[in-house]
Amino acid sequence: PKQVRCRHLLVKHSGSRRPASWRSPSITRSKEEALDILREYRRRIVDGEVEFGALAATESDCGSAQKQGDLGFFGPGEMQKAFEDAAFALQV
């Protein structure tokens, strides 16, 4: 595809490119702690405890939280390479 549309829930850590967000001016959690948080979020979503967008709206460290994690449509070269590669590789 020439473009994809994604939603995400970002949990930053102290080694993130910019370790700050709308939720916190200084993020100090470790990468391992961020991964543990994400695993718990995934469990809650898969178990039906919470809808992805609702969780992204309150917990994501990205400004896209205001749109329930929706990043909209984007094409090649518009996002960080690793994210873009994964996004374009996903199946609907």
N, C-alpha and C. Protein backbone atom coordinates (compact mmCIF):
# COMPACT_ATOMS: atom_id res chain seq x y z
N PRO A 1 0.82 -1.21 0.00
CA PRO A 1 0.00 0.00 0.00
C PRO A 1 0.86 1.26 0.00
N LYS A 2 0.31 2.33 -0.54
CA LYS A 2 1.02 3.61 -0.56
C LYS A 2 0.93 4.32 0.77
N GLN A 3 -0.14 4.04 1.51
CA GLN A 3 -0.33 4.62 2.83
C GLN A 3 -0.95 3.58 3.75
N VAL A 4 -0.74 3.76 5.05
CA VAL A 4 -1.40 2.94 6.05
C VAL A 4 -1.97 3.87 7.11
N ARG A 5 -2.89 3.32 7.87
CA ARG A 5 -3.45 4.07 9.01
C ARG A 5 -3.26 3.21 10.24
N CYS A 6 -2.73 3.80 11.29
CA CYS A 6 -2.44 3.05 12.51
C CYS A 6 -2.94 3.79 13.74
N ARG A 7 -3.16 2.99 14.78
CA ARG A 7 -3.35 3.51 16.13
C ARG A 7 -2.25 2.89 16.97
N HIS A 8 -1.81 3.61 17.97
CA HIS A 8 -0.80 3.04 18.86
C HIS A 8 -0.98 3.58 20.28
N LEU A 9 -0.32 2.88 21.19
CA LEU A 9 -0.30 3.27 22.59
C LEU A 9 1.17 3.28 22.97
N LEU A 10 1.72 4.45 23.12
CA LEU A 10 3.15 4.61 23.35
C LEU A 10 3.46 4.71 24.85
N VAL A 11 4.38 3.89 25.31
CA VAL A 11 4.88 3.97 26.69
C VAL A 11 6.37 4.26 26.59
N LYS A 12 6.74 5.48 26.91
CA LYS A 12 8.14 5.89 26.82
C LYS A 12 8.93 5.42 28.03
N HIS A 13 10.25 5.43 27.88
CA HIS A 13 11.17 5.09 28.97
C HIS A 13 12.30 6.11 28.96
N SER A 14 13.18 6.02 29.94
CA SER A 14 14.24 7.01 30.09
C SER A 14 15.18 7.06 28.89
N GLY A 15 15.27 5.99 28.12
CA GLY A 15 16.12 5.96 26.93
C GLY A 15 15.40 6.35 25.65
N SER A 16 14.15 6.77 25.75
CA SER A 16 13.39 7.19 24.57
C SER A 16 14.04 8.42 23.94
N ARG A 17 13.77 8.63 22.68
CA ARG A 17 14.34 9.76 21.96
C ARG A 17 14.05 11.08 22.68
N ARG A 18 12.85 11.22 23.22
CA ARG A 18 12.47 12.39 24.01
C ARG A 18 11.72 11.88 25.23
N PRO A 19 12.39 11.67 26.35
CA PRO A 19 11.76 11.07 27.53
C PRO A 19 10.88 12.05 28.32
N ALA A 20 9.86 12.56 27.64
CA ALA A 20 8.86 13.44 28.24
C ALA A 20 7.60 13.27 27.41
N SER A 21 6.46 13.63 28.01
CA SER A 21 5.21 13.54 27.28
C SER A 21 4.20 14.50 27.87
N TRP A 22 3.00 14.52 27.31
CA TRP A 22 1.93 15.34 27.84
C TRP A 22 1.54 14.88 29.24
N ARG A 23 1.85 13.64 29.56
CA ARG A 23 1.51 13.08 30.87
C ARG A 23 2.57 13.36 31.92
N SER A 24 3.81 13.52 31.49
CA SER A 24 4.91 13.69 32.44
C SER A 24 6.05 14.48 31.80
N PRO A 25 6.54 15.52 32.47
CA PRO A 25 7.63 16.31 31.91
C PRO A 25 8.97 15.58 31.91
N SER A 26 9.08 14.52 32.72
CA SER A 26 10.33 13.76 32.79
C SER A 26 10.00 12.29 33.05
N ILE A 27 10.29 11.46 32.08
CA ILE A 27 10.01 10.02 32.21
C ILE A 27 11.28 9.31 32.65
N THR A 28 11.19 8.61 33.76
CA THR A 28 12.37 7.98 34.35
C THR A 28 12.30 6.46 34.37
N ARG A 29 11.18 5.87 33.93
CA ARG A 29 11.07 4.40 33.98
C ARG A 29 12.08 3.76 33.03
N SER A 30 12.48 2.54 33.36
CA SER A 30 13.42 1.79 32.52
C SER A 30 12.67 1.20 31.32
N LYS A 31 13.42 0.76 30.35
CA LYS A 31 12.83 0.10 29.19
C LYS A 31 12.08 -1.15 29.63
N GLU A 32 12.64 -1.89 30.57
CA GLU A 32 12.00 -3.11 31.07
C GLU A 32 10.67 -2.78 31.75
N GLU A 33 10.64 -1.69 32.52
CA GLU A 33 9.39 -1.28 33.16
C GLU A 33 8.34 -0.89 32.12
N ALA A 34 8.77 -0.19 31.08
CA ALA A 34 7.85 0.19 30.01
C ALA A 34 7.29 -1.06 29.32
N LEU A 35 8.13 -2.04 29.07
CA LEU A 35 7.67 -3.28 28.45
C LEU A 35 6.69 -4.03 29.35
N ASP A 36 6.94 -4.04 30.65
CA ASP A 36 6.01 -4.67 31.58
C ASP A 36 4.66 -3.97 31.57
N ILE A 37 4.67 -2.66 31.51
CA ILE A 37 3.42 -1.88 31.44
C ILE A 37 2.67 -2.24 30.16
N LEU A 38 3.38 -2.30 29.05
CA LEU A 38 2.75 -2.65 27.77
C LEU A 38 2.17 -4.06 27.78
N ARG A 39 2.88 -4.99 28.39
CA ARG A 39 2.36 -6.36 28.48
C ARG A 39 1.05 -6.39 29.27
N GLU A 40 0.99 -5.63 30.34
CA GLU A 40 -0.24 -5.56 31.14
C GLU A 40 -1.36 -4.90 30.35
N TYR A 41 -1.06 -3.84 29.61
CA TYR A 41 -2.08 -3.20 28.77
C TYR A 41 -2.60 -4.20 27.74
N ARG A 42 -1.69 -4.94 27.11
CA ARG A 42 -2.10 -5.93 26.11
C ARG A 42 -3.01 -6.98 26.73
N ARG A 43 -2.64 -7.47 27.91
CA ARG A 43 -3.47 -8.47 28.59
C ARG A 43 -4.87 -7.93 28.83
N ARG A 44 -4.96 -6.70 29.32
CA ARG A 44 -6.26 -6.10 29.60
C ARG A 44 -7.11 -5.95 28.35
N ILE A 45 -6.47 -5.59 27.23
CA ILE A 45 -7.19 -5.44 25.96
C ILE A 45 -7.66 -6.80 25.46
N VAL A 46 -6.75 -7.77 25.42
CA VAL A 46 -7.08 -9.12 24.94
C VAL A 46 -8.16 -9.77 25.80
N ASP A 47 -8.10 -9.56 27.11
CA ASP A 47 -9.10 -10.13 28.02
C ASP A 47 -10.43 -9.40 27.99
N GLY A 48 -10.50 -8.31 27.23
CA GLY A 48 -11.76 -7.58 27.10
C GLY A 48 -12.07 -6.65 28.26
N GLU A 49 -11.09 -6.37 29.11
CA GLU A 49 -11.30 -5.48 30.26
C GLU A 49 -11.44 -4.03 29.83
N VAL A 50 -10.76 -3.67 28.74
CA VAL A 50 -10.74 -2.29 28.29
C VAL A 50 -10.57 -2.27 26.77
N GLU A 51 -11.13 -1.26 26.12
CA GLU A 51 -10.97 -1.10 24.67
C GLU A 51 -9.66 -0.36 24.41
N PHE A 52 -9.00 -0.74 23.33
CA PHE A 52 -7.70 -0.16 23.00
C PHE A 52 -7.74 1.37 23.01
N GLY A 53 -8.67 1.96 22.30
CA GLY A 53 -8.73 3.42 22.19
C GLY A 53 -8.92 4.11 23.53
N ALA A 54 -9.74 3.53 24.38
CA ALA A 54 -9.98 4.12 25.70
C ALA A 54 -8.69 4.10 26.52
N LEU A 55 -7.94 3.02 26.44
CA LEU A 55 -6.68 2.91 27.17
C LEU A 55 -5.64 3.87 26.59
N ALA A 56 -5.57 3.94 25.27
CA ALA A 56 -4.63 4.86 24.63
C ALA A 56 -4.93 6.30 25.02
N ALA A 57 -6.20 6.63 25.13
CA ALA A 57 -6.60 8.01 25.46
C ALA A 57 -6.11 8.45 26.83
N THR A 58 -5.99 7.52 27.75
CA THR A 58 -5.58 7.89 29.11
C THR A 58 -4.13 7.55 29.43
N GLU A 59 -3.55 6.58 28.73
CA GLU A 59 -2.24 6.06 29.13
C GLU A 59 -1.10 6.28 28.14
N SER A 60 -1.39 6.60 26.89
CA SER A 60 -0.33 6.76 25.90
C SER A 60 0.50 8.01 26.17
N ASP A 61 1.80 7.91 25.99
CA ASP A 61 2.70 9.05 26.13
C ASP A 61 2.79 9.86 24.84
N CYS A 62 1.99 9.55 23.86
CA CYS A 62 1.98 10.26 22.58
C CYS A 62 0.81 11.23 22.55
N GLY A 63 0.98 12.33 21.86
CA GLY A 63 -0.09 13.29 21.68
C GLY A 63 -1.29 12.70 20.96
N SER A 64 -1.11 11.58 20.28
CA SER A 64 -2.22 10.91 19.59
C SER A 64 -3.24 10.36 20.59
N ALA A 65 -2.91 10.41 21.88
CA ALA A 65 -3.85 9.98 22.91
C ALA A 65 -5.17 10.73 22.78
N GLN A 66 -5.10 11.99 22.37
CA GLN A 66 -6.30 12.81 22.20
C GLN A 66 -7.24 12.22 21.15
N LYS A 67 -6.69 11.37 20.28
CA LYS A 67 -7.48 10.73 19.22
C LYS A 67 -7.54 9.23 19.43
N GLN A 68 -7.46 8.80 20.68
CA GLN A 68 -7.47 7.38 21.05
C GLN A 68 -6.36 6.60 20.35
N GLY A 69 -5.21 7.23 20.19
CA GLY A 69 -4.05 6.59 19.60
C GLY A 69 -3.98 6.64 18.09
N ASP A 70 -4.97 7.26 17.44
CA ASP A 70 -5.03 7.28 15.98
C ASP A 70 -3.96 8.21 15.41
N LEU A 71 -3.08 7.65 14.60
CA LEU A 71 -2.03 8.43 13.94
C LEU A 71 -2.46 8.91 12.56
N GLY A 72 -3.61 8.45 12.11
CA GLY A 72 -4.08 8.80 10.78
C GLY A 72 -3.32 8.04 9.71
N PHE A 73 -3.50 8.49 8.47
CA PHE A 73 -2.82 7.86 7.34
C PHE A 73 -1.42 8.44 7.20
N PHE A 74 -0.46 7.59 6.84
CA PHE A 74 0.88 8.07 6.56
C PHE A 74 1.53 7.17 5.52
N GLY A 75 2.49 7.75 4.81
CA GLY A 75 3.20 7.01 3.78
C GLY A 75 4.66 6.82 4.15
N PRO A 76 5.40 6.21 3.26
CA PRO A 76 6.83 5.96 3.50
C PRO A 76 7.58 7.26 3.80
N GLY A 77 8.48 7.19 4.77
CA GLY A 77 9.31 8.32 5.11
C GLY A 77 8.70 9.32 6.09
N GLU A 78 7.51 9.03 6.59
CA GLU A 78 6.84 9.98 7.48
C GLU A 78 6.95 9.63 8.96
N MET A 79 7.35 8.42 9.27
CA MET A 79 7.46 7.97 10.67
C MET A 79 8.87 7.42 10.90
N GLN A 80 9.18 7.14 12.17
CA GLN A 80 10.45 6.50 12.46
C GLN A 80 10.51 5.17 11.72
N LYS A 81 11.66 4.84 11.17
CA LYS A 81 11.80 3.69 10.27
C LYS A 81 11.30 2.38 10.87
N ALA A 82 11.69 2.07 12.09
CA ALA A 82 11.28 0.79 12.69
C ALA A 82 9.75 0.70 12.81
N PHE A 83 9.13 1.79 13.23
CA PHE A 83 7.67 1.81 13.34
C PHE A 83 7.03 1.69 11.96
N GLU A 84 7.55 2.45 11.03
CA GLU A 84 7.02 2.42 9.66
C GLU A 84 7.15 1.03 9.04
N ASP A 85 8.30 0.40 9.20
CA ASP A 85 8.49 -0.95 8.65
C ASP A 85 7.47 -1.93 9.23
N ALA A 86 7.26 -1.84 10.55
CA ALA A 86 6.29 -2.73 11.19
C ALA A 86 4.88 -2.42 10.71
N ALA A 87 4.54 -1.15 10.62
CA ALA A 87 3.20 -0.75 10.20
C ALA A 87 2.88 -1.25 8.80
N PHE A 88 3.81 -1.12 7.88
CA PHE A 88 3.56 -1.53 6.50
C PHE A 88 3.58 -3.05 6.35
N ALA A 89 4.14 -3.75 7.31
CA ALA A 89 4.19 -5.22 7.26
C ALA A 89 2.94 -5.87 7.85
N LEU A 90 2.15 -5.11 8.61
CA LEU A 90 0.96 -5.66 9.27
C LEU A 90 -0.13 -6.02 8.26
N GLN A 91 -0.90 -7.01 8.61
CA GLN A 91 -2.09 -7.36 7.83
C GLN A 91 -3.28 -6.65 8.47
N VAL A 92 -4.27 -6.36 7.67
CA VAL A 92 -5.47 -5.70 8.19
C VAL A 92 -6.17 -6.64 9.14
